[in-house]
Amino acid sequence: MFERWKIDRRFAEIVGGIGLLLLAFAFDSGMSWLLAVAGIYLLSRQFTQTNRAMRGESSSTVPRFRGSGGRQREDETHLIDDAPEGSQIYTHARDAVLRAGLDPSTVPVLPVDLGLMVFTRDELPAVYRSRAVPDDVDFVQPFVQLRLATQATGKVRFEMIDADGQSVFIHEDMYNLHAGMNLVSPSARLPIHDAHAMHREWQMRISADGVLLAEHHFEWTESTEKVIRRHVQVDGELSNEMRQMLEDNRLEKMSLDELLGEQEEAPAQRARR
């Protein structure tokens, strides 16, 4: 699937750190302390990465964004521990891997998180994993976090298929990936407009060197603005359905005021008697 790199960078840094420490002790000169500091830095760096790997952490972070406008900016999804060596994986990512016909416990390139970065006007991007995406956004950009057993280089392909089965987004780039977690996203976004078929769920497929890694499904939700616009006629007048709804709300409010008024008048009438 991927071509393995011949040089293990982590092993080289460990050997280099030990070598620098040996040189620092072997030579009595003013530069010995610099060699010792450099050697300690390389070894401590690898020690920190090893601890992170044991805890299932990664130097590549999952995208987390916050924005304005009252729109929720992050999904609340569940993490499970089905991944190899105790690494965590999101439930929706595991389901996407299973749809691709792969076993999450044995695949060497494992998507542990995936979804969409959603861009709306001047707001910061929002992350949508399993929630329905509002249909009034401007752009969507897929992402995936891949866990690799070893360093590799290869092509990662993103494809989005609409509700009518049409491919509306295809983008493929070459990536150099390291062992552990890798956050990957294409260098392109899909513009969203009313002509898109959003009446059923969409598919997002992620492949590596021609091998399907995950098939993620997501849906769209109609924005409040479009709901109102759908009930307003072309000439700007309200439709009969919208007019009836507003009339019902007005009658309900009037009847409630009358009821409260009667409750206030009752004690006064009893006092006059």
C-alpha atoms as a PDB file:
ATOM      1  CA  MET A   1       0.000   0.000   0.000  1.00  0.00           C
ATOM      2  CA  PHE A   2       2.681   2.484   1.029  1.00  0.00           C
ATOM      3  CA  GLU A   3       6.421   2.482   0.330  1.00  0.00           C
ATOM      4  CA  ARG A   4       8.358   2.113   3.583  1.00  0.00           C
ATOM      5  CA  TRP A   5      11.091   4.551   4.341  1.00  0.00           C
ATOM      6  CA  LYS A   6      14.493   2.890   4.620  1.00  0.00           C
ATOM      7  CA  ILE A   7      15.673   5.098   7.491  1.00  0.00           C
ATOM      8  CA  ASP A   8      13.959   5.040  10.875  1.00  0.00           C
ATOM      9  CA  ARG A   9      14.205   8.622  12.089  1.00  0.00           C
ATOM     10  CA  ARG A  10      13.466   7.763  15.696  1.00  0.00           C
ATOM     11  CA  PHE A  11      16.222   5.144  15.797  1.00  0.00           C
ATOM     12  CA  ALA A  12      18.656   7.592  14.200  1.00  0.00           C
ATOM     13  CA  GLU A  13      17.873  10.271  16.786  1.00  0.00           C
ATOM     14  CA  ILE A  14      18.359   7.827  19.658  1.00  0.00           C
ATOM     15  CA  VAL A  15      21.714   6.698  18.292  1.00  0.00           C
ATOM     16  CA  GLY A  16      22.702  10.307  17.625  1.00  0.00           C
ATOM     17  CA  GLY A  17      21.809  11.351  21.173  1.00  0.00           C
ATOM     18  CA  ILE A  18      23.882   8.567  22.692  1.00  0.00           C
ATOM     19  CA  GLY A  19      26.771   9.428  20.348  1.00  0.00           C
ATOM     20  CA  LEU A  20      26.719  13.093  21.353  1.00  0.00           C
ATOM     21  CA  LEU A  21      26.791  12.169  25.048  1.00  0.00           C
ATOM     22  CA  LEU A  22      29.779   9.861  24.501  1.00  0.00           C
ATOM     23  CA  LEU A  23      31.638  12.616  22.634  1.00  0.00           C
ATOM     24  CA  ALA A  24      30.873  15.087  25.419  1.00  0.00           C
ATOM     25  CA  PHE A  25      32.436  12.799  28.014  1.00  0.00           C
ATOM     26  CA  ALA A  26      35.359  11.798  25.795  1.00  0.00           C
ATOM     27  CA  PHE A  27      36.619  15.315  25.034  1.00  0.00           C
ATOM     28  CA  ASP A  28      37.485  17.861  27.664  1.00  0.00           C
ATOM     29  CA  SER A  29      36.813  21.109  25.876  1.00  0.00           C
ATOM     30  CA  GLY A  30      34.600  24.147  26.070  1.00  0.00           C
ATOM     31  CA  MET A  31      32.147  22.594  23.559  1.00  0.00           C
ATOM     32  CA  SER A  32      31.515  19.465  25.637  1.00  0.00           C
ATOM     33  CA  TRP A  33      28.506  20.975  27.375  1.00  0.00           C
ATOM     34  CA  LEU A  34      26.904  21.813  24.018  1.00  0.00           C
ATOM     35  CA  LEU A  35      27.294  18.212  22.859  1.00  0.00           C
ATOM     36  CA  ALA A  36      25.826  16.969  26.141  1.00  0.00           C
ATOM     37  CA  VAL A  37      22.821  19.299  25.899  1.00  0.00           C
ATOM     38  CA  ALA A  38      22.160  18.257  22.282  1.00  0.00           C
ATOM     39  CA  GLY A  39      22.387  14.564  23.197  1.00  0.00           C
ATOM     40  CA  ILE A  40      20.051  14.940  26.182  1.00  0.00           C
ATOM     41  CA  TYR A  41      17.563  16.850  23.995  1.00  0.00           C
ATOM     42  CA  LEU A  42      17.400  14.086  21.358  1.00  0.00           C
ATOM     43  CA  LEU A  43      16.973  11.349  23.958  1.00  0.00           C
ATOM     44  CA  SER A  44      14.361  13.252  25.963  1.00  0.00           C
ATOM     45  CA  ARG A  45      12.417  13.938  22.758  1.00  0.00           C
ATOM     46  CA  GLN A  46      12.187  10.248  21.942  1.00  0.00           C
ATOM     47  CA  PHE A  47      11.290   9.445  25.541  1.00  0.00           C
ATOM     48  CA  THR A  48       8.392  11.923  25.377  1.00  0.00           C
ATOM     49  CA  GLN A  49       7.122  10.483  22.075  1.00  0.00           C
ATOM     50  CA  THR A  50       7.270   6.968  23.503  1.00  0.00           C
ATOM     51  CA  ASN A  51       5.186   8.006  26.513  1.00  0.00           C
ATOM     52  CA  ARG A  52       2.638   9.621  24.233  1.00  0.00           C
ATOM     53  CA  ALA A  53       2.382   6.496  22.110  1.00  0.00           C
ATOM     54  CA  MET A  54       1.856   4.371  25.214  1.00  0.00           C
ATOM     55  CA  ARG A  55      -0.997   6.656  26.300  1.00  0.00           C
ATOM     56  CA  GLY A  56      -2.549   6.651  22.820  1.00  0.00           C
ATOM     57  CA  GLU A  57      -1.671  10.314  22.261  1.00  0.00           C
ATOM     58  CA  SER A  58      -0.149  11.936  19.189  1.00  0.00           C
ATOM     59  CA  SER A  59       1.736  15.032  18.199  1.00  0.00           C
ATOM     60  CA  SER A  60      -0.884  15.520  15.452  1.00  0.00           C
ATOM     61  CA  THR A  61      -3.968  16.853  17.160  1.00  0.00           C
ATOM     62  CA  VAL A  62      -7.590  16.307  16.181  1.00  0.00           C
ATOM     63  CA  PRO A  63      -8.993  19.520  14.681  1.00  0.00           C
ATOM     64  CA  ARG A  64     -11.009  21.501  17.213  1.00  0.00           C
ATOM     65  CA  PHE A  65     -12.480  24.843  16.235  1.00  0.00           C
ATOM     66  CA  ARG A  66     -14.707  27.399  17.826  1.00  0.00           C
ATOM     67  CA  GLY A  67     -16.774  29.987  16.057  1.00  0.00           C
ATOM     68  CA  SER A  68     -19.325  32.710  16.639  1.00  0.00           C
ATOM     69  CA  GLY A  69     -22.978  32.979  15.754  1.00  0.00           C
ATOM     70  CA  GLY A  70     -24.311  30.531  18.338  1.00  0.00           C
ATOM     71  CA  ARG A  71     -23.657  27.517  16.128  1.00  0.00           C
ATOM     72  CA  GLN A  72     -22.300  24.470  17.948  1.00  0.00           C
ATOM     73  CA  ARG A  73     -18.756  23.941  16.754  1.00  0.00           C
ATOM     74  CA  GLU A  74     -17.867  20.438  17.744  1.00  0.00           C
ATOM     75  CA  ASP A  75     -19.548  17.064  17.733  1.00  0.00           C
ATOM     76  CA  GLU A  76     -19.923  15.015  20.846  1.00  0.00           C
ATOM     77  CA  THR A  77     -18.844  11.605  19.637  1.00  0.00           C
ATOM     78  CA  HIS A  78     -17.626   8.582  21.529  1.00  0.00           C
ATOM     79  CA  LEU A  79     -14.113   7.199  21.632  1.00  0.00           C
ATOM     80  CA  ILE A  80     -13.580   3.469  21.835  1.00  0.00           C
ATOM     81  CA  ASP A  81     -10.477   1.379  22.418  1.00  0.00           C
ATOM     82  CA  ASP A  82     -10.763  -1.099  19.547  1.00  0.00           C
ATOM     83  CA  ALA A  83      -7.659   0.153  17.738  1.00  0.00           C
ATOM     84  CA  PRO A  84      -4.388  -1.810  17.816  1.00  0.00           C
ATOM     85  CA  GLU A  85      -2.076  -1.263  20.769  1.00  0.00           C
ATOM     86  CA  GLY A  86      -4.764   0.560  22.719  1.00  0.00           C
ATOM     87  CA  SER A  87      -5.002   3.589  20.414  1.00  0.00           C
ATOM     88  CA  GLN A  88      -8.350   5.339  20.576  1.00  0.00           C
ATOM     89  CA  ILE A  89     -10.729   5.501  17.634  1.00  0.00           C
ATOM     90  CA  TYR A  90     -14.014   7.317  17.186  1.00  0.00           C
ATOM     91  CA  THR A  91     -17.144   5.209  16.842  1.00  0.00           C
ATOM     92  CA  HIS A  92     -18.146   6.805  13.541  1.00  0.00           C
ATOM     93  CA  ALA A  93     -14.619   6.231  12.183  1.00  0.00           C
ATOM     94  CA  ARG A  94     -14.738   2.548  13.119  1.00  0.00           C
ATOM     95  CA  ASP A  95     -18.108   2.244  11.357  1.00  0.00           C
ATOM     96  CA  ALA A  96     -16.631   3.899   8.255  1.00  0.00           C
ATOM     97  CA  VAL A  97     -13.738   1.420   8.248  1.00  0.00           C
ATOM     98  CA  LEU A  98     -16.153  -1.498   8.552  1.00  0.00           C
ATOM     99  CA  ARG A  99     -18.195  -0.169   5.606  1.00  0.00           C
ATOM    100  CA  ALA A 100     -14.993  -0.254   3.572  1.00  0.00           C
ATOM    101  CA  GLY A 101     -14.735  -3.986   4.330  1.00  0.00           C
ATOM    102  CA  LEU A 102     -11.672  -3.689   6.591  1.00  0.00           C
ATOM    103  CA  ASP A 103     -10.922  -4.966  10.081  1.00  0.00           C
ATOM    104  CA  PRO A 104      -9.951  -2.067  12.408  1.00  0.00           C
ATOM    105  CA  SER A 105      -7.846  -4.399  14.552  1.00  0.00           C
ATOM    106  CA  THR A 106      -5.569  -5.538  11.721  1.00  0.00           C
ATOM    107  CA  VAL A 107      -5.421  -2.752   9.107  1.00  0.00           C
ATOM    108  CA  PRO A 108      -1.937  -1.117   9.028  1.00  0.00           C
ATOM    109  CA  VAL A 109      -3.346   2.286   7.979  1.00  0.00           C
ATOM    110  CA  LEU A 110      -6.276   3.001  10.281  1.00  0.00           C
ATOM    111  CA  PRO A 111      -8.594   6.058  10.127  1.00  0.00           C
ATOM    112  CA  VAL A 112      -9.257   6.846  13.802  1.00  0.00           C
ATOM    113  CA  ASP A 113     -11.152  10.088  13.184  1.00  0.00           C
ATOM    114  CA  LEU A 114     -12.761  11.720  10.143  1.00  0.00           C
ATOM    115  CA  GLY A 115     -15.378  14.251   9.182  1.00  0.00           C
ATOM    116  CA  LEU A 116     -15.845  17.696   7.666  1.00  0.00           C
ATOM    117  CA  MET A 117     -14.484  21.146   8.399  1.00  0.00           C
ATOM    118  CA  VAL A 118     -17.387  23.503   7.638  1.00  0.00           C
ATOM    119  CA  PHE A 119     -16.859  27.140   6.661  1.00  0.00           C
ATOM    120  CA  THR A 120     -19.621  29.746   7.008  1.00  0.00           C
ATOM    121  CA  ARG A 121     -18.998  33.365   6.016  1.00  0.00           C
ATOM    122  CA  ASP A 122     -16.323  34.950   8.236  1.00  0.00           C
ATOM    123  CA  GLU A 123     -16.720  32.511  11.124  1.00  0.00           C
ATOM    124  CA  LEU A 124     -14.037  30.083  12.188  1.00  0.00           C
ATOM    125  CA  PRO A 125     -14.466  26.590  10.686  1.00  0.00           C
ATOM    126  CA  ALA A 126     -16.608  24.087  12.558  1.00  0.00           C
ATOM    127  CA  VAL A 127     -15.932  20.362  12.834  1.00  0.00           C
ATOM    128  CA  TYR A 128     -18.809  18.030  11.929  1.00  0.00           C
ATOM    129  CA  ARG A 129     -18.272  14.329  12.509  1.00  0.00           C
ATOM    130  CA  SER A 130     -21.669  12.650  12.889  1.00  0.00           C
ATOM    131  CA  ARG A 131     -24.085  15.606  13.162  1.00  0.00           C
ATOM    132  CA  ALA A 132     -26.099  16.764  10.166  1.00  0.00           C
ATOM    133  CA  VAL A 133     -24.461  19.676   8.341  1.00  0.00           C
ATOM    134  CA  PRO A 134     -26.537  22.872   7.798  1.00  0.00           C
ATOM    135  CA  ASP A 135     -27.257  23.418   4.110  1.00  0.00           C
ATOM    136  CA  ASP A 136     -26.542  27.158   4.268  1.00  0.00           C
ATOM    137  CA  VAL A 137     -22.762  26.831   4.769  1.00  0.00           C
ATOM    138  CA  ASP A 138     -20.297  28.156   2.202  1.00  0.00           C
ATOM    139  CA  PHE A 139     -17.678  25.393   1.950  1.00  0.00           C
ATOM    140  CA  VAL A 140     -16.898  21.947   3.342  1.00  0.00           C
ATOM    141  CA  GLN A 141     -13.439  20.373   3.523  1.00  0.00           C
ATOM    142  CA  PRO A 142     -12.961  16.708   4.503  1.00  0.00           C
ATOM    143  CA  PHE A 143     -10.304  15.513   6.917  1.00  0.00           C
ATOM    144  CA  VAL A 144      -9.050  12.220   8.319  1.00  0.00           C
ATOM    145  CA  GLN A 145      -6.646  11.263  11.069  1.00  0.00           C
ATOM    146  CA  LEU A 146      -4.662   8.186  10.051  1.00  0.00           C
ATOM    147  CA  ARG A 147      -2.761   5.907  12.391  1.00  0.00           C
ATOM    148  CA  LEU A 148       0.199   4.193  10.717  1.00  0.00           C
ATOM    149  CA  ALA A 149       2.305   1.371  12.056  1.00  0.00           C
ATOM    150  CA  THR A 150       5.387   2.695  10.242  1.00  0.00           C
ATOM    151  CA  GLN A 151       6.572   5.626   8.161  1.00  0.00           C
ATOM    152  CA  ALA A 152       5.233   5.678   4.613  1.00  0.00           C
ATOM    153  CA  THR A 153       4.626   7.830   1.556  1.00  0.00           C
ATOM    154  CA  GLY A 154       1.708   7.573  -0.849  1.00  0.00           C
ATOM    155  CA  LYS A 155      -1.412   9.146  -2.338  1.00  0.00           C
ATOM    156  CA  VAL A 156      -4.494   9.853  -0.214  1.00  0.00           C
ATOM    157  CA  ARG A 157      -7.731  10.417  -2.120  1.00  0.00           C
ATOM    158  CA  PHE A 158     -10.911  12.123  -0.866  1.00  0.00           C
ATOM    159  CA  GLU A 159     -14.217  11.714  -2.686  1.00  0.00           C
ATOM    160  CA  MET A 160     -17.695  13.018  -1.809  1.00  0.00           C
ATOM    161  CA  ILE A 161     -20.822  11.546  -3.425  1.00  0.00           C
ATOM    162  CA  ASP A 162     -24.178  13.339  -3.227  1.00  0.00           C
ATOM    163  CA  ALA A 163     -27.661  11.939  -2.596  1.00  0.00           C
ATOM    164  CA  ASP A 164     -28.124  11.160  -6.313  1.00  0.00           C
ATOM    165  CA  GLY A 165     -24.941   9.097  -6.478  1.00  0.00           C
ATOM    166  CA  GLN A 166     -22.921  11.762  -8.311  1.00  0.00           C
ATOM    167  CA  SER A 167     -19.295  12.461  -7.404  1.00  0.00           C
ATOM    168  CA  VAL A 168     -19.194  16.162  -6.546  1.00  0.00           C
ATOM    169  CA  PHE A 169     -15.690  16.296  -5.052  1.00  0.00           C
ATOM    170  CA  ILE A 170     -12.532  14.323  -5.888  1.00  0.00           C
ATOM    171  CA  HIS A 171      -9.085  15.356  -4.719  1.00  0.00           C
ATOM    172  CA  GLU A 172      -5.863  13.362  -4.392  1.00  0.00           C
ATOM    173  CA  ASP A 173      -2.475  14.449  -3.019  1.00  0.00           C
ATOM    174  CA  MET A 174       0.856  12.830  -2.191  1.00  0.00           C
ATOM    175  CA  TYR A 175       1.694  12.718   1.514  1.00  0.00           C
ATOM    176  CA  ASN A 176       4.719  11.754   3.579  1.00  0.00           C
ATOM    177  CA  LEU A 177       3.323  10.106   6.697  1.00  0.00           C
ATOM    178  CA  HIS A 178       5.123   9.130   9.878  1.00  0.00           C
ATOM    179  CA  ALA A 179       4.506   6.293  12.311  1.00  0.00           C
ATOM    180  CA  GLY A 180       1.651   7.161  14.658  1.00  0.00           C
ATOM    181  CA  MET A 181      -1.056   9.760  14.073  1.00  0.00           C
ATOM    182  CA  ASN A 182      -1.262  11.865  10.905  1.00  0.00           C
ATOM    183  CA  LEU A 183      -3.884  14.551  10.292  1.00  0.00           C
ATOM    184  CA  VAL A 184      -4.619  14.683   6.544  1.00  0.00           C
ATOM    185  CA  SER A 185      -6.885  17.070   4.637  1.00  0.00           C
ATOM    186  CA  PRO A 186      -7.007  17.936   0.918  1.00  0.00           C
ATOM    187  CA  SER A 187      -5.841  21.315  -0.325  1.00  0.00           C
ATOM    188  CA  ALA A 188      -9.312  22.044  -1.746  1.00  0.00           C
ATOM    189  CA  ARG A 189     -12.853  22.714  -0.519  1.00  0.00           C
ATOM    190  CA  LEU A 190     -16.294  21.998  -1.941  1.00  0.00           C
ATOM    191  CA  PRO A 191     -18.507  25.087  -2.456  1.00  0.00           C
ATOM    192  CA  ILE A 192     -22.066  24.448  -1.244  1.00  0.00           C
ATOM    193  CA  HIS A 193     -25.082  25.822  -3.124  1.00  0.00           C
ATOM    194  CA  ASP A 194     -28.794  25.144  -3.573  1.00  0.00           C
ATOM    195  CA  ALA A 195     -28.260  23.018  -6.680  1.00  0.00           C
ATOM    196  CA  HIS A 196     -26.720  20.188  -4.648  1.00  0.00           C
ATOM    197  CA  ALA A 197     -28.849  17.101  -4.014  1.00  0.00           C
ATOM    198  CA  MET A 198     -29.255  17.101  -0.224  1.00  0.00           C
ATOM    199  CA  HIS A 199     -32.478  15.152   0.201  1.00  0.00           C
ATOM    200  CA  ARG A 200     -30.656  12.026   1.433  1.00  0.00           C
ATOM    201  CA  GLU A 201     -27.316  11.227   3.034  1.00  0.00           C
ATOM    202  CA  TRP A 202     -23.976  11.746   1.308  1.00  0.00           C
ATOM    203  CA  GLN A 203     -20.899   9.542   1.248  1.00  0.00           C
ATOM    204  CA  MET A 204     -17.312  10.520   1.889  1.00  0.00           C
ATOM    205  CA  ARG A 205     -14.764   7.937   0.737  1.00  0.00           C
ATOM    206  CA  ILE A 206     -11.096   7.969   1.722  1.00  0.00           C
ATOM    207  CA  SER A 207      -8.562   5.834  -0.164  1.00  0.00           C
ATOM    208  CA  ALA A 208      -4.801   5.312   0.013  1.00  0.00           C
ATOM    209  CA  ASP A 209      -2.960   4.232  -3.135  1.00  0.00           C
ATOM    210  CA  GLY A 210      -6.212   2.906  -4.613  1.00  0.00           C
ATOM    211  CA  VAL A 211      -7.303   0.996  -1.489  1.00  0.00           C
ATOM    212  CA  LEU A 212     -10.550   2.135   0.160  1.00  0.00           C
ATOM    213  CA  LEU A 213      -9.858   2.879   3.843  1.00  0.00           C
ATOM    214  CA  ALA A 214     -13.181   4.356   4.998  1.00  0.00           C
ATOM    215  CA  GLU A 215     -16.690   5.139   3.789  1.00  0.00           C
ATOM    216  CA  HIS A 216     -18.320   7.796   5.941  1.00  0.00           C
ATOM    217  CA  HIS A 217     -22.010   8.774   5.676  1.00  0.00           C
ATOM    218  CA  PHE A 218     -23.419  12.169   6.681  1.00  0.00           C
ATOM    219  CA  GLU A 219     -26.640  14.126   6.225  1.00  0.00           C
ATOM    220  CA  TRP A 220     -27.760  17.708   5.704  1.00  0.00           C
ATOM    221  CA  THR A 221     -30.253  19.731   7.732  1.00  0.00           C
ATOM    222  CA  GLU A 222     -32.344  22.554   6.329  1.00  0.00           C
ATOM    223  CA  SER A 223     -31.508  25.975   7.735  1.00  0.00           C
ATOM    224  CA  THR A 224     -34.164  28.183   9.368  1.00  0.00           C
ATOM    225  CA  GLU A 225     -33.735  30.781   6.633  1.00  0.00           C
ATOM    226  CA  LYS A 226     -34.539  28.237   3.922  1.00  0.00           C
ATOM    227  CA  VAL A 227     -37.575  26.968   5.827  1.00  0.00           C
ATOM    228  CA  ILE A 228     -39.031  30.488   5.928  1.00  0.00           C
ATOM    229  CA  ARG A 229     -38.060  31.169   2.317  1.00  0.00           C
ATOM    230  CA  ARG A 230     -39.784  27.960   1.235  1.00  0.00           C
ATOM    231  CA  HIS A 231     -43.077  29.240   2.703  1.00  0.00           C
ATOM    232  CA  VAL A 232     -42.817  32.724   1.184  1.00  0.00           C
ATOM    233  CA  GLN A 233     -44.208  33.220  -2.319  1.00  0.00           C
ATOM    234  CA  VAL A 234     -42.179  34.715  -5.152  1.00  0.00           C
ATOM    235  CA  ASP A 235     -43.881  38.129  -4.842  1.00  0.00           C
ATOM    236  CA  GLY A 236     -42.908  38.365  -1.173  1.00  0.00           C
ATOM    237  CA  GLU A 237     -46.314  37.387   0.282  1.00  0.00           C
ATOM    238  CA  LEU A 238     -46.701  34.629   2.827  1.00  0.00           C
ATOM    239  CA  SER A 239     -48.046  31.304   1.654  1.00  0.00           C
ATOM    240  CA  ASN A 240     -51.401  30.090   2.958  1.00  0.00           C
ATOM    241  CA  GLU A 241     -49.649  27.531   5.155  1.00  0.00           C
ATOM    242  CA  MET A 242     -47.375  30.130   6.760  1.00  0.00           C
ATOM    243  CA  ARG A 243     -50.280  32.589   7.131  1.00  0.00           C
ATOM    244  CA  GLN A 244     -52.357  29.944   8.939  1.00  0.00           C
ATOM    245  CA  MET A 245     -49.470  29.107  11.259  1.00  0.00           C
ATOM    246  CA  LEU A 246     -49.018  32.764  12.235  1.00  0.00           C
ATOM    247  CA  GLU A 247     -52.765  33.160  12.722  1.00  0.00           C
ATOM    248  CA  ASP A 248     -52.872  30.104  15.011  1.00  0.00           C
ATOM    249  CA  ASN A 249     -50.040  31.500  17.083  1.00  0.00           C
ATOM    250  CA  ARG A 250     -51.814  34.871  17.384  1.00  0.00           C
ATOM    251  CA  LEU A 251     -55.090  33.240  18.489  1.00  0.00           C
ATOM    252  CA  GLU A 252     -53.293  31.101  21.047  1.00  0.00           C
ATOM    253  CA  LYS A 253     -51.581  34.173  22.478  1.00  0.00           C
ATOM    254  CA  MET A 254     -54.886  36.113  22.666  1.00  0.00           C
ATOM    255  CA  SER A 255     -56.693  33.289  24.405  1.00  0.00           C
ATOM    256  CA  LEU A 256     -53.872  33.050  26.962  1.00  0.00           C
ATOM    257  CA  ASP A 257     -54.090  36.805  27.670  1.00  0.00           C
ATOM    258  CA  GLU A 258     -57.817  36.533  28.133  1.00  0.00           C
ATOM    259  CA  LEU A 259     -57.371  33.651  30.551  1.00  0.00           C
ATOM    260  CA  LEU A 260     -54.884  35.619  32.627  1.00  0.00           C
ATOM    261  CA  GLY A 261     -57.177  38.591  32.542  1.00  0.00           C
ATOM    262  CA  GLU A 262     -60.066  36.547  33.916  1.00  0.00           C
ATOM    263  CA  GLN A 263     -57.847  35.266  36.734  1.00  0.00           C
ATOM    264  CA  GLU A 264     -56.977  38.863  37.689  1.00  0.00           C
ATOM    265  CA  GLU A 265     -60.583  40.057  37.500  1.00  0.00           C
ATOM    266  CA  ALA A 266     -62.030  37.254  39.647  1.00  0.00           C
ATOM    267  CA  PRO A 267     -60.575  38.417  43.030  1.00  0.00           C
ATOM    268  CA  ALA A 268     -61.667  42.000  42.353  1.00  0.00           C
ATOM    269  CA  GLN A 269     -65.246  40.902  41.625  1.00  0.00           C
ATOM    270  CA  ARG A 270     -65.362  38.858  44.835  1.00  0.00           C
ATOM    271  CA  ALA A 271     -64.105  41.856  46.834  1.00  0.00           C
ATOM    272  CA  ARG A 272     -66.907  44.099  45.489  1.00  0.00           C
ATOM    273  CA  ARG A 273     -69.510  41.553  46.506  1.00  0.00           C
END
